[in-house]
C-alpha atoms as a PDB file:
ATOM      1  CA  UNK A   1      86.782 117.336 106.335  1.00  0.00           C
ATOM      2  CA  UNK A   2      89.984 118.050 105.445  1.00  0.00           C
ATOM      3  CA  UNK A   3      91.893 118.382 102.029  1.00  0.00           C
ATOM      4  CA  UNK A   4      95.793 117.840 101.441  1.00  0.00           C
ATOM      5  CA  UNK A   5      97.449 118.704  98.300  1.00  0.00           C
ATOM      6  CA  UNK A   6     101.384 117.551  97.978  1.00  0.00           C
ATOM      7  CA  UNK A   7     103.249 118.320  94.663  1.00  0.00           C
ATOM      8  CA  UNK A   8     106.716 117.511  93.507  1.00  0.00           C
ATOM      9  CA  UNK A   9     108.432 118.073  90.603  1.00  0.00           C
ATOM     10  CA  UNK A  10     110.580 115.233  88.792  1.00  0.00           C
ATOM     11  CA  UNK A  11     112.625 114.153  85.752  1.00  0.00           C
ATOM     12  CA  UNK A  12     111.664 110.881  85.646  1.00  0.00           C
ATOM     13  CA  UNK A  13     109.177 111.120  82.542  1.00  0.00           C
ATOM     14  CA  UNK A  14     105.316 109.663  83.026  1.00  0.00           C
ATOM     15  CA  UNK A  15     106.101 106.003  82.278  1.00  0.00           C
ATOM     16  CA  UNK A  16     108.541 105.752  85.496  1.00  0.00           C
ATOM     17  CA  UNK A  17     106.450 108.206  87.423  1.00  0.00           C
ATOM     18  CA  UNK A  18     103.554 105.961  86.756  1.00  0.00           C
ATOM     19  CA  UNK A  19     105.602 102.988  88.222  1.00  0.00           C
ATOM     20  CA  UNK A  20     106.742 104.592  91.436  1.00  0.00           C
ATOM     21  CA  UNK A  21     103.417 105.891  92.186  1.00  0.00           C
ATOM     22  CA  UNK A  22     102.454 102.128  91.442  1.00  0.00           C
ATOM     23  CA  UNK A  23     104.548 100.842  93.940  1.00  0.00           C
ATOM     24  CA  UNK A  24     103.867 103.474  96.475  1.00  0.00           C
ATOM     25  CA  UNK A  25     100.243 102.737  96.204  1.00  0.00           C
ATOM     26  CA  UNK A  26     101.083  98.972  97.033  1.00  0.00           C
ATOM     27  CA  UNK A  27     102.810  99.985 100.135  1.00  0.00           C
ATOM     28  CA  UNK A  28      99.682 102.298 101.277  1.00  0.00           C
ATOM     29  CA  UNK A  29      97.437  99.622 100.235  1.00  0.00           C
ATOM     30  CA  UNK A  30      99.478  96.950 102.558  1.00  0.00           C
ATOM     31  CA  UNK A  31      99.992  99.484 105.550  1.00  0.00           C
ATOM     32  CA  UNK A  32      96.348 101.234 105.636  1.00  0.00           C
ATOM     33  CA  UNK A  33      93.985  99.088 103.643  1.00  0.00           C
ATOM     34  CA  UNK A  34      93.642 101.725 100.710  1.00  0.00           C
ATOM     35  CA  UNK A  35      92.280 100.729  97.906  1.00  0.00           C
ATOM     36  CA  UNK A  36      94.383 101.606  94.607  1.00  0.00           C
ATOM     37  CA  UNK A  37      92.559 101.890  90.924  1.00  0.00           C
ATOM     38  CA  UNK A  38      93.977 103.409  87.896  1.00  0.00           C
ATOM     39  CA  UNK A  39      92.025 105.696  85.733  1.00  0.00           C
ATOM     40  CA  UNK A  40      94.378 106.811  82.849  1.00  0.00           C
ATOM     41  CA  UNK A  41      97.391 108.849  84.366  1.00  0.00           C
ATOM     42  CA  UNK A  42      95.300 109.214  87.969  1.00  0.00           C
ATOM     43  CA  UNK A  43      95.596 106.736  90.520  1.00  0.00           C
ATOM     44  CA  UNK A  44      92.691 106.572  92.895  1.00  0.00           C
ATOM     45  CA  UNK A  45      92.758 105.541  96.552  1.00  0.00           C
ATOM     46  CA  UNK A  46      89.836 105.138  98.893  1.00  0.00           C
ATOM     47  CA  UNK A  47      88.958 103.620 102.328  1.00  0.00           C
ATOM     48  CA  UNK A  48      86.492 104.677 105.068  1.00  0.00           C
ATOM     49  CA  UNK A  49      86.885 107.994 105.699  1.00  0.00           C
ATOM     50  CA  UNK A  50      89.903 108.857 102.906  1.00  0.00           C
ATOM     51  CA  UNK A  51      89.685 109.578  99.260  1.00  0.00           C
ATOM     52  CA  UNK A  52      92.577 110.540  97.433  1.00  0.00           C
ATOM     53  CA  UNK A  53      94.084 110.565  94.019  1.00  0.00           C
ATOM     54  CA  UNK A  54      97.707 110.704  92.701  1.00  0.00           C
ATOM     55  CA  UNK A  55      97.589 112.810  89.421  1.00  0.00           C
ATOM     56  CA  UNK A  56     100.972 111.520  87.517  1.00  0.00           C
ATOM     57  CA  UNK A  57     102.493 113.947  84.792  1.00  0.00           C
ATOM     58  CA  UNK A  58     105.360 114.287  82.398  1.00  0.00           C
ATOM     59  CA  UNK A  59     107.161 116.195  85.321  1.00  0.00           C
ATOM     60  CA  UNK A  60     105.385 116.045  88.261  1.00  0.00           C
ATOM     61  CA  UNK A  61     103.493 114.031  90.449  1.00  0.00           C
ATOM     62  CA  UNK A  62     100.441 115.815  92.839  1.00  0.00           C
ATOM     63  CA  UNK A  63      98.848 113.915  95.659  1.00  0.00           C
ATOM     64  CA  UNK A  64      95.216 115.260  96.604  1.00  0.00           C
ATOM     65  CA  UNK A  65      93.487 113.609  99.746  1.00  0.00           C
ATOM     66  CA  UNK A  66      90.371 114.555 101.282  1.00  0.00           C
ATOM     67  CA  UNK A  67      89.453 113.335 105.030  1.00  0.00           C
ATOM     68  CA  UNK A  68      86.282 112.548 106.822  1.00  0.00           C
ATOM     69  CA  UNK A  69      85.747 113.994 110.008  1.00  0.00           C
ATOM     70  CA  UNK A  70      87.632 111.130 112.058  1.00  0.00           C
ATOM     71  CA  UNK A  71      90.315 111.442 110.250  1.00  0.00           C
ATOM     72  CA  UNK A  72      90.680 115.410 109.994  1.00  0.00           C
ATOM     73  CA  UNK A  73      92.106 115.506 113.429  1.00  0.00           C
ATOM     74  CA  UNK A  74      95.136 114.102 112.020  1.00  0.00           C
ATOM     75  CA  UNK A  75      95.543 116.024 108.852  1.00  0.00           C
ATOM     76  CA  UNK A  76      99.207 117.587 109.747  1.00  0.00           C
ATOM     77  CA  UNK A  77     100.311 113.978 110.551  1.00  0.00           C
ATOM     78  CA  UNK A  78      98.882 112.731 107.323  1.00  0.00           C
ATOM     79  CA  UNK A  79     100.411 115.677 105.186  1.00  0.00           C
ATOM     80  CA  UNK A  80     103.845 114.929 106.693  1.00  0.00           C
ATOM     81  CA  UNK A  81     103.838 111.124 106.074  1.00  0.00           C
ATOM     82  CA  UNK A  82     102.633 111.881 102.499  1.00  0.00           C
ATOM     83  CA  UNK A  83     105.566 114.138 101.858  1.00  0.00           C
ATOM     84  CA  UNK A  84     107.936 111.787 103.162  1.00  0.00           C
ATOM     85  CA  UNK A  85     106.584 108.840 101.339  1.00  0.00           C
ATOM     86  CA  UNK A  86     106.360 110.739  97.962  1.00  0.00           C
ATOM     87  CA  UNK A  87     109.885 112.129  98.310  1.00  0.00           C
ATOM     88  CA  UNK A  88     111.416 108.916  99.376  1.00  0.00           C
ATOM     89  CA  UNK A  89     109.490 107.370  96.051  1.00  0.00           C
ATOM     90  CA  UNK A  90     110.891 110.126  93.555  1.00  0.00           C
ATOM     91  CA  UNK A  91     114.460 109.600  95.135  1.00  0.00           C
END
């Protein structure tokens, strides 16, 4: 199993950051079949072989992903994609 953590600071405020996280989740859902579900200020994402959480704070967003055995081999590529998507969403 591989774990990925990516954190970015933002100056958007919690509500705007939450809206951007929601839009990002919809793109991930459409592209990768991830099922998003909000629990408080945490967006949980899952599908076979992948579990993740997007923690939305007042001044930062942290993405934690846990990859199953088959997906672990692609952890470097997946981390890069998460970083790009998060940077784009917060721009």
